[in-house]
Each structure stands twice: as structure tokens, then as C-alpha cells.
Amino acid sequence: MFQIKQSQFLASRAVVFADDNKDEFDSDASPFGIEPTISMAELAESMTCIQPIIVPRMREDQMIGLDLAIVRKKPTVIS
């Protein structure tokens, strides 16, 4: 799951396209015609990735059940 700023949580896959610094007249330009208004670093800073994890509940070295925990992380930009 992920969240952008304070939006609702989104539980799906996401694809983020970076700017290719080309316009529609370049032969190898992106076919999507997208002109981003923020950088990838700004987008990553505004996002939070939410990872649910299962944590064993222990009592005196014996597992007595399972709990659900949430880990929040900022995404990493790879260029």
C-alpha cells in the first residue's frame, strides 16, 4: 500500500514515469505526452509506503498468536 501526502491509502501497483526531457517532435520521445510538474525526488518525499507485517505474539518462549503491525517507509529514487 502507499499514500501520497494525506490522501487515502492505495493498495495497488503503481508506475511512475520520469521526464525524458524531450518534446513531442523528438522521434524517441515518450509516447505518453506527460509533462511532470515535480521531480521524482519531490514525489518520493511526498509518498509513504505502508507494509503490513505479521508479528508472532509470544509468552514464555511460546507463540500464542499472531498480530498485525504496520511499517511505514519513504521510497528510494533510483536513477
PDB file of N, CA and C in Angstrom:
ATOM      1  N   MET A   1       0.844  -1.163   0.000  1.00  0.00           N
ATOM      2  CA  MET A   1       0.000   0.000   0.000  1.00  0.00           C
ATOM      3  C   MET A   1       0.895   1.233   0.000  1.00  0.00           C
ATOM      4  N   PHE A   2       0.347   2.315  -0.489  1.00  0.00           N
ATOM      5  CA  PHE A   2       1.082   3.569  -0.418  1.00  0.00           C
ATOM      6  C   PHE A   2       0.102   4.721  -0.263  1.00  0.00           C
ATOM      7  N   GLN A   3       0.661   5.841   0.127  1.00  0.00           N
ATOM      8  CA  GLN A   3      -0.131   7.041   0.358  1.00  0.00           C
ATOM      9  C   GLN A   3       0.663   8.223  -0.159  1.00  0.00           C
ATOM     10  N   ILE A   4      -0.011   9.142  -0.858  1.00  0.00           N
ATOM     11  CA  ILE A   4       0.629  10.359  -1.337  1.00  0.00           C
ATOM     12  C   ILE A   4       0.084  11.513  -0.516  1.00  0.00           C
ATOM     13  N   LYS A   5       0.988  12.194   0.166  1.00  0.00           N
ATOM     14  CA  LYS A   5       0.632  13.262   1.112  1.00  0.00           C
ATOM     15  C   LYS A   5      -0.374  12.723   2.104  1.00  0.00           C
ATOM     16  N   GLN A   6      -1.541  13.330   2.227  1.00  0.00           N
ATOM     17  CA  GLN A   6      -2.542  12.870   3.200  1.00  0.00           C
ATOM     18  C   GLN A   6      -3.742  12.208   2.515  1.00  0.00           C
ATOM     19  N   SER A   7      -3.528  11.631   1.327  1.00  0.00           N
ATOM     20  CA  SER A   7      -4.625  11.000   0.590  1.00  0.00           C
ATOM     21  C   SER A   7      -5.028   9.679   1.237  1.00  0.00           C
ATOM     22  N   GLN A   8      -6.054   9.058   0.686  1.00  0.00           N
ATOM     23  CA  GLN A   8      -6.443   7.722   1.113  1.00  0.00           C
ATOM     24  C   GLN A   8      -5.325   6.751   0.757  1.00  0.00           C
ATOM     25  N   PHE A   9      -5.249   5.651   1.483  1.00  0.00           N
ATOM     26  CA  PHE A   9      -4.272   4.619   1.165  1.00  0.00           C
ATOM     27  C   PHE A   9      -4.660   3.950  -0.154  1.00  0.00           C
ATOM     28  N   LEU A  10      -3.691   3.650  -0.972  1.00  0.00           N
ATOM     29  CA  LEU A  10      -3.912   2.956  -2.235  1.00  0.00           C
ATOM     30  C   LEU A  10      -3.251   1.591  -2.143  1.00  0.00           C
ATOM     31  N   ALA A  11      -4.018   0.554  -2.338  1.00  0.00           N
ATOM     32  CA  ALA A  11      -3.493  -0.804  -2.284  1.00  0.00           C
ATOM     33  C   ALA A  11      -3.455  -1.357  -3.699  1.00  0.00           C
ATOM     34  N   SER A  12      -2.406  -1.003  -4.423  1.00  0.00           N
ATOM     35  CA  SER A  12      -2.271  -1.462  -5.798  1.00  0.00           C
ATOM     36  C   SER A  12      -0.837  -1.234  -6.251  1.00  0.00           C
ATOM     37  N   ARG A  13      -0.575  -1.629  -7.455  1.00  0.00           N
ATOM     38  CA  ARG A  13       0.726  -1.358  -8.051  1.00  0.00           C
ATOM     39  C   ARG A  13       0.700   0.031  -8.657  1.00  0.00           C
ATOM     40  N   ALA A  14       1.856   0.654  -8.696  1.00  0.00           N
ATOM     41  CA  ALA A  14       1.945   1.991  -9.277  1.00  0.00           C
ATOM     42  C   ALA A  14       3.165   2.059 -10.179  1.00  0.00           C
ATOM     43  N   VAL A  15       3.013   2.751 -11.279  1.00  0.00           N
ATOM     44  CA  VAL A  15       4.125   3.006 -12.187  1.00  0.00           C
ATOM     45  C   VAL A  15       4.278   4.515 -12.289  1.00  0.00           C
ATOM     46  N   VAL A  16       5.482   4.997 -12.038  1.00  0.00           N
ATOM     47  CA  VAL A  16       5.754   6.425 -12.107  1.00  0.00           C
ATOM     48  C   VAL A  16       6.715   6.647 -13.264  1.00  0.00           C
ATOM     49  N   PHE A  17       6.341   7.525 -14.190  1.00  0.00           N
ATOM     50  CA  PHE A  17       7.172   7.829 -15.339  1.00  0.00           C
ATOM     51  C   PHE A  17       7.987   9.077 -15.068  1.00  0.00           C
ATOM     52  N   ALA A  18       9.252   9.033 -15.396  1.00  0.00           N
ATOM     53  CA  ALA A  18      10.115  10.208 -15.252  1.00  0.00           C
ATOM     54  C   ALA A  18      10.093  11.009 -16.544  1.00  0.00           C
ATOM     55  N   ASP A  19      10.441  12.268 -16.447  1.00  0.00           N
ATOM     56  CA  ASP A  19      10.525  13.143 -17.616  1.00  0.00           C
ATOM     57  C   ASP A  19      11.717  12.718 -18.468  1.00  0.00           C
ATOM     58  N   ASP A  20      11.506  12.558 -19.765  1.00  0.00           N
ATOM     59  CA  ASP A  20      12.617  12.168 -20.650  1.00  0.00           C
ATOM     60  C   ASP A  20      13.281  13.383 -21.299  1.00  0.00           C
ATOM     61  N   ASN A  21      12.891  14.601 -20.891  1.00  0.00           N
ATOM     62  CA  ASN A  21      13.473  15.850 -21.409  1.00  0.00           C
ATOM     63  C   ASN A  21      13.349  15.979 -22.921  1.00  0.00           C
ATOM     64  N   LYS A  22      12.308  15.425 -23.485  1.00  0.00           N
ATOM     65  CA  LYS A  22      12.083  15.518 -24.929  1.00  0.00           C
ATOM     66  C   LYS A  22      10.674  16.058 -25.161  1.00  0.00           C
ATOM     67  N   ASP A  23      10.490  16.681 -26.307  1.00  0.00           N
ATOM     68  CA  ASP A  23       9.140  17.129 -26.645  1.00  0.00           C
ATOM     69  C   ASP A  23       8.518  16.174 -27.654  1.00  0.00           C
ATOM     70  N   GLU A  24       7.275  16.441 -28.039  1.00  0.00           N
ATOM     71  CA  GLU A  24       6.563  15.507 -28.914  1.00  0.00           C
ATOM     72  C   GLU A  24       7.139  15.406 -30.318  1.00  0.00           C
ATOM     73  N   PHE A  25       8.040  16.312 -30.685  1.00  0.00           N
ATOM     74  CA  PHE A  25       8.630  16.285 -32.024  1.00  0.00           C
ATOM     75  C   PHE A  25       9.882  15.421 -32.102  1.00  0.00           C
ATOM     76  N   ASP A  26      10.443  15.008 -30.968  1.00  0.00           N
ATOM     77  CA  ASP A  26      11.603  14.115 -30.972  1.00  0.00           C
ATOM     78  C   ASP A  26      11.149  12.710 -31.330  1.00  0.00           C
ATOM     79  N   SER A  27      11.895  12.054 -32.190  1.00  0.00           N
ATOM     80  CA  SER A  27      11.491  10.725 -32.659  1.00  0.00           C
ATOM     81  C   SER A  27      11.510   9.687 -31.538  1.00  0.00           C
ATOM     82  N   ASP A  28      12.354   9.859 -30.543  1.00  0.00           N
ATOM     83  CA  ASP A  28      12.426   8.877 -29.458  1.00  0.00           C
ATOM     84  C   ASP A  28      11.782   9.388 -28.166  1.00  0.00           C
ATOM     85  N   ALA A  29      10.850  10.341 -28.287  1.00  0.00           N
ATOM     86  CA  ALA A  29      10.167  10.902 -27.110  1.00  0.00           C
ATOM     87  C   ALA A  29       9.181   9.896 -26.533  1.00  0.00           C
ATOM     88  N   SER A  30       8.833  10.084 -25.285  1.00  0.00           N
ATOM     89  CA  SER A  30       7.851   9.237 -24.624  1.00  0.00           C
ATOM     90  C   SER A  30       6.505   9.349 -25.344  1.00  0.00           C
ATOM     91  N   PRO A  31       5.835   8.230 -25.582  1.00  0.00           N
ATOM     92  CA  PRO A  31       4.545   8.282 -26.280  1.00  0.00           C
ATOM     93  C   PRO A  31       3.403   8.767 -25.392  1.00  0.00           C
ATOM     94  N   PHE A  32       3.651   9.002 -24.121  1.00  0.00           N
ATOM     95  CA  PHE A  32       2.578   9.326 -23.192  1.00  0.00           C
ATOM     96  C   PHE A  32       2.246  10.808 -23.159  1.00  0.00           C
ATOM     97  N   GLY A  33       3.140  11.658 -23.642  1.00  0.00           N
ATOM     98  CA  GLY A  33       2.875  13.088 -23.659  1.00  0.00           C
ATOM     99  C   GLY A  33       2.728  13.690 -22.271  1.00  0.00           C
ATOM    100  N   ILE A  34       3.466  13.157 -21.322  1.00  0.00           N
ATOM    101  CA  ILE A  34       3.358  13.608 -19.933  1.00  0.00           C
ATOM    102  C   ILE A  34       4.423  14.660 -19.653  1.00  0.00           C
ATOM    103  N   GLU A  35       3.995  15.751 -19.052  1.00  0.00           N
ATOM    104  CA  GLU A  35       4.928  16.781 -18.628  1.00  0.00           C
ATOM    105  C   GLU A  35       4.847  16.893 -17.112  1.00  0.00           C
ATOM    106  N   PRO A  36       5.770  16.278 -16.386  1.00  0.00           N
ATOM    107  CA  PRO A  36       5.690  16.308 -14.928  1.00  0.00           C
ATOM    108  C   PRO A  36       5.896  17.718 -14.381  1.00  0.00           C
ATOM    109  N   THR A  37       5.228  18.001 -13.283  1.00  0.00           N
ATOM    110  CA  THR A  37       5.363  19.313 -12.651  1.00  0.00           C
ATOM    111  C   THR A  37       6.236  19.249 -11.406  1.00  0.00           C
ATOM    112  N   ILE A  38       6.585  18.035 -10.949  1.00  0.00           N
ATOM    113  CA  ILE A  38       7.506  17.879  -9.822  1.00  0.00           C
ATOM    114  C   ILE A  38       8.565  16.852 -10.189  1.00  0.00           C
ATOM    115  N   SER A  39       9.663  16.874  -9.472  1.00  0.00           N
ATOM    116  CA  SER A  39      10.739  15.916  -9.731  1.00  0.00           C
ATOM    117  C   SER A  39      10.428  14.584  -9.051  1.00  0.00           C
ATOM    118  N   MET A  40      11.162  13.547  -9.431  1.00  0.00           N
ATOM    119  CA  MET A  40      10.992  12.234  -8.808  1.00  0.00           C
ATOM    120  C   MET A  40      11.323  12.310  -7.319  1.00  0.00           C
ATOM    121  N   ALA A  41      12.326  13.103  -6.955  1.00  0.00           N
ATOM    122  CA  ALA A  41      12.690  13.248  -5.536  1.00  0.00           C
ATOM    123  C   ALA A  41      11.560  13.899  -4.745  1.00  0.00           C
ATOM    124  N   GLU A  42      10.903  14.901  -5.330  1.00  0.00           N
ATOM    125  CA  GLU A  42       9.771  15.553  -4.656  1.00  0.00           C
ATOM    126  C   GLU A  42       8.600  14.585  -4.496  1.00  0.00           C
ATOM    127  N   LEU A  43       8.348  13.781  -5.524  1.00  0.00           N
ATOM    128  CA  LEU A  43       7.284  12.782  -5.437  1.00  0.00           C
ATOM    129  C   LEU A  43       7.593  11.768  -4.348  1.00  0.00           C
ATOM    130  N   ALA A  44       8.833  11.271  -4.320  1.00  0.00           N
ATOM    131  CA  ALA A  44       9.228  10.288  -3.309  1.00  0.00           C
ATOM    132  C   ALA A  44       9.091  10.862  -1.900  1.00  0.00           C
ATOM    133  N   GLU A  45       9.420  12.127  -1.743  1.00  0.00           N
ATOM    134  CA  GLU A  45       9.314  12.763  -0.430  1.00  0.00           C
ATOM    135  C   GLU A  45       7.857  12.875   0.021  1.00  0.00           C
ATOM    136  N   SER A  46       6.932  13.013  -0.923  1.00  0.00           N
ATOM    137  CA  SER A  46       5.521  13.162  -0.562  1.00  0.00           C
ATOM    138  C   SER A  46       4.811  11.814  -0.383  1.00  0.00           C
ATOM    139  N   MET A  47       5.491  10.709  -0.706  1.00  0.00           N
ATOM    140  CA  MET A  47       4.888   9.378  -0.607  1.00  0.00           C
ATOM    141  C   MET A  47       5.315   8.657   0.662  1.00  0.00           C
ATOM    142  N   THR A  48       4.443   7.786   1.132  1.00  0.00           N
ATOM    143  CA  THR A  48       4.761   6.873   2.216  1.00  0.00           C
ATOM    144  C   THR A  48       4.311   5.486   1.795  1.00  0.00           C
ATOM    145  N   CYS A  49       5.205   4.521   1.865  1.00  0.00           N
ATOM    146  CA  CYS A  49       4.867   3.133   1.562  1.00  0.00           C
ATOM    147  C   CYS A  49       4.503   2.444   2.872  1.00  0.00           C
ATOM    148  N   ILE A  50       3.429   1.690   2.866  1.00  0.00           N
ATOM    149  CA  ILE A  50       2.940   1.014   4.062  1.00  0.00           C
ATOM    150  C   ILE A  50       3.036  -0.484   3.826  1.00  0.00           C
ATOM    151  N   GLN A  51       3.773  -1.154   4.709  1.00  0.00           N
ATOM    152  CA  GLN A  51       3.973  -2.589   4.572  1.00  0.00           C
ATOM    153  C   GLN A  51       3.397  -3.294   5.803  1.00  0.00           C
ATOM    154  N   PRO A  52       2.352  -4.101   5.621  1.00  0.00           N
ATOM    155  CA  PRO A  52       1.849  -4.872   6.751  1.00  0.00           C
ATOM    156  C   PRO A  52       2.764  -6.068   7.015  1.00  0.00           C
ATOM    157  N   ILE A  53       3.034  -6.337   8.276  1.00  0.00           N
ATOM    158  CA  ILE A  53       3.853  -7.495   8.627  1.00  0.00           C
ATOM    159  C   ILE A  53       3.160  -8.282   9.741  1.00  0.00           C
ATOM    160  N   ILE A  54       3.398  -9.581   9.762  1.00  0.00           N
ATOM    161  CA  ILE A  54       2.851 -10.463  10.794  1.00  0.00           C
ATOM    162  C   ILE A  54       3.909 -10.620  11.883  1.00  0.00           C
ATOM    163  N   VAL A  55       3.505 -10.374  13.127  1.00  0.00           N
ATOM    164  CA  VAL A  55       4.413 -10.467  14.264  1.00  0.00           C
ATOM    165  C   VAL A  55       3.885 -11.540  15.211  1.00  0.00           C
ATOM    166  N   PRO A  56       4.726 -12.535  15.523  1.00  0.00           N
ATOM    167  CA  PRO A  56       4.259 -13.558  16.462  1.00  0.00           C
ATOM    168  C   PRO A  56       4.074 -12.980  17.874  1.00  0.00           C
ATOM    169  N   ARG A  57       2.994 -13.365  18.538  1.00  0.00           N
ATOM    170  CA  ARG A  57       2.747 -12.974  19.932  1.00  0.00           C
ATOM    171  C   ARG A  57       3.297 -14.090  20.814  1.00  0.00           C
ATOM    172  N   MET A  58       4.231 -13.721  21.674  1.00  0.00           N
ATOM    173  CA  MET A  58       4.943 -14.719  22.470  1.00  0.00           C
ATOM    174  C   MET A  58       4.608 -14.575  23.954  1.00  0.00           C
ATOM    175  N   ARG A  59       4.613 -15.712  24.633  1.00  0.00           N
ATOM    176  CA  ARG A  59       4.501 -15.733  26.087  1.00  0.00           C
ATOM    177  C   ARG A  59       5.363 -16.887  26.580  1.00  0.00           C
ATOM    178  N   GLU A  60       6.362 -16.537  27.378  1.00  0.00           N
ATOM    179  CA  GLU A  60       7.279 -17.541  27.941  1.00  0.00           C
ATOM    180  C   GLU A  60       7.828 -18.470  26.861  1.00  0.00           C
ATOM    181  N   ASP A  61       8.394 -17.876  25.822  1.00  0.00           N
ATOM    182  CA  ASP A  61       9.034 -18.616  24.720  1.00  0.00           C
ATOM    183  C   ASP A  61       8.083 -19.492  23.905  1.00  0.00           C
ATOM    184  N   GLN A  62       6.797 -19.239  23.979  1.00  0.00           N
ATOM    185  CA  GLN A  62       5.853 -19.986  23.153  1.00  0.00           C
ATOM    186  C   GLN A  62       4.970 -18.999  22.401  1.00  0.00           C
ATOM    187  N   MET A  63       4.736 -19.313  21.149  1.00  0.00           N
ATOM    188  CA  MET A  63       3.871 -18.470  20.344  1.00  0.00           C
ATOM    189  C   MET A  63       2.416 -18.753  20.711  1.00  0.00           C
ATOM    190  N   ILE A  64       1.692 -17.674  21.057  1.00  0.00           N
ATOM    191  CA  ILE A  64       0.285 -17.851  21.441  1.00  0.00           C
ATOM    192  C   ILE A  64      -0.665 -17.208  20.429  1.00  0.00           C
ATOM    193  N   GLY A  65      -0.116 -16.597  19.394  1.00  0.00           N
ATOM    194  CA  GLY A  65      -0.959 -15.981  18.382  1.00  0.00           C
ATOM    195  C   GLY A  65      -0.147 -15.105  17.453  1.00  0.00           C
ATOM    196  N   LEU A  66      -0.848 -14.412  16.586  1.00  0.00           N
ATOM    197  CA  LEU A  66      -0.212 -13.526  15.619  1.00  0.00           C
ATOM    198  C   LEU A  66      -0.844 -12.146  15.697  1.00  0.00           C
ATOM    199  N   ASP A  67      -0.041 -11.129  15.533  1.00  0.00           N
ATOM    200  CA  ASP A  67      -0.503  -9.748  15.487  1.00  0.00           C
ATOM    201  C   ASP A  67      -0.108  -9.146  14.153  1.00  0.00           C
ATOM    202  N   LEU A  68      -0.835  -8.133  13.742  1.00  0.00           N
ATOM    203  CA  LEU A  68      -0.527  -7.403  12.515  1.00  0.00           C
ATOM    204  C   LEU A  68       0.092  -6.065  12.894  1.00  0.00           C
ATOM    205  N   ALA A  69       1.218  -5.762  12.296  1.00  0.00           N
ATOM    206  CA  ALA A  69       1.893  -4.483  12.526  1.00  0.00           C
ATOM    207  C   ALA A  69       2.057  -3.781  11.181  1.00  0.00           C
ATOM    208  N   ILE A  70       2.230  -2.483  11.219  1.00  0.00           N
ATOM    209  CA  ILE A  70       2.400  -1.682  10.013  1.00  0.00           C
ATOM    210  C   ILE A  70       3.762  -0.993  10.073  1.00  0.00           C
ATOM    211  N   VAL A  71       4.518  -1.101   8.986  1.00  0.00           N
ATOM    212  CA  VAL A  71       5.802  -0.418   8.852  1.00  0.00           C
ATOM    213  C   VAL A  71       5.643   0.638   7.764  1.00  0.00           C
ATOM    214  N   ARG A  72       6.003   1.874   8.089  1.00  0.00           N
ATOM    215  CA  ARG A  72       5.933   2.981   7.112  1.00  0.00           C
ATOM    216  C   ARG A  72       7.341   3.329   6.668  1.00  0.00           C
ATOM    217  N   LYS A  73       7.521   3.467   5.341  1.00  0.00           N
ATOM    218  CA  LYS A  73       8.839   3.792   4.763  1.00  0.00           C
ATOM    219  C   LYS A  73       8.679   4.832   3.666  1.00  0.00           C
ATOM    220  N   LYS A  74       9.726   5.608   3.458  1.00  0.00           N
ATOM    221  CA  LYS A  74       9.794   6.511   2.320  1.00  0.00           C
ATOM    222  C   LYS A  74      10.438   5.750   1.160  1.00  0.00           C
ATOM    223  N   PRO A  75       9.925   5.910  -0.071  1.00  0.00           N
ATOM    224  CA  PRO A  75      10.536   5.223  -1.207  1.00  0.00           C
ATOM    225  C   PRO A  75      11.895   5.814  -1.550  1.00  0.00           C
ATOM    226  N   THR A  76      12.693   5.032  -2.240  1.00  0.00           N
ATOM    227  CA  THR A  76      14.015   5.445  -2.679  1.00  0.00           C
ATOM    228  C   THR A  76      13.980   5.703  -4.179  1.00  0.00           C
ATOM    229  N   VAL A  77      14.594   6.796  -4.612  1.00  0.00           N
ATOM    230  CA  VAL A  77      14.676   7.118  -6.035  1.00  0.00           C
ATOM    231  C   VAL A  77      15.955   6.494  -6.572  1.00  0.00           C
ATOM    232  N   ILE A  78      15.808   5.674  -7.595  1.00  0.00           N
ATOM    233  CA  ILE A  78      16.956   5.045  -8.248  1.00  0.00           C
ATOM    234  C   ILE A  78      17.083   5.629  -9.633  1.00  0.00           C
ATOM    235  N   SER A  79      18.243   6.205  -9.916  1.00  0.00           N
ATOM    236  CA  SER A  79      18.400   6.818 -11.246  1.00  0.00           C
ATOM    237  C   SER A  79      19.513   6.157 -12.022  1.00  0.00           C
TER     238      SER A  79
END
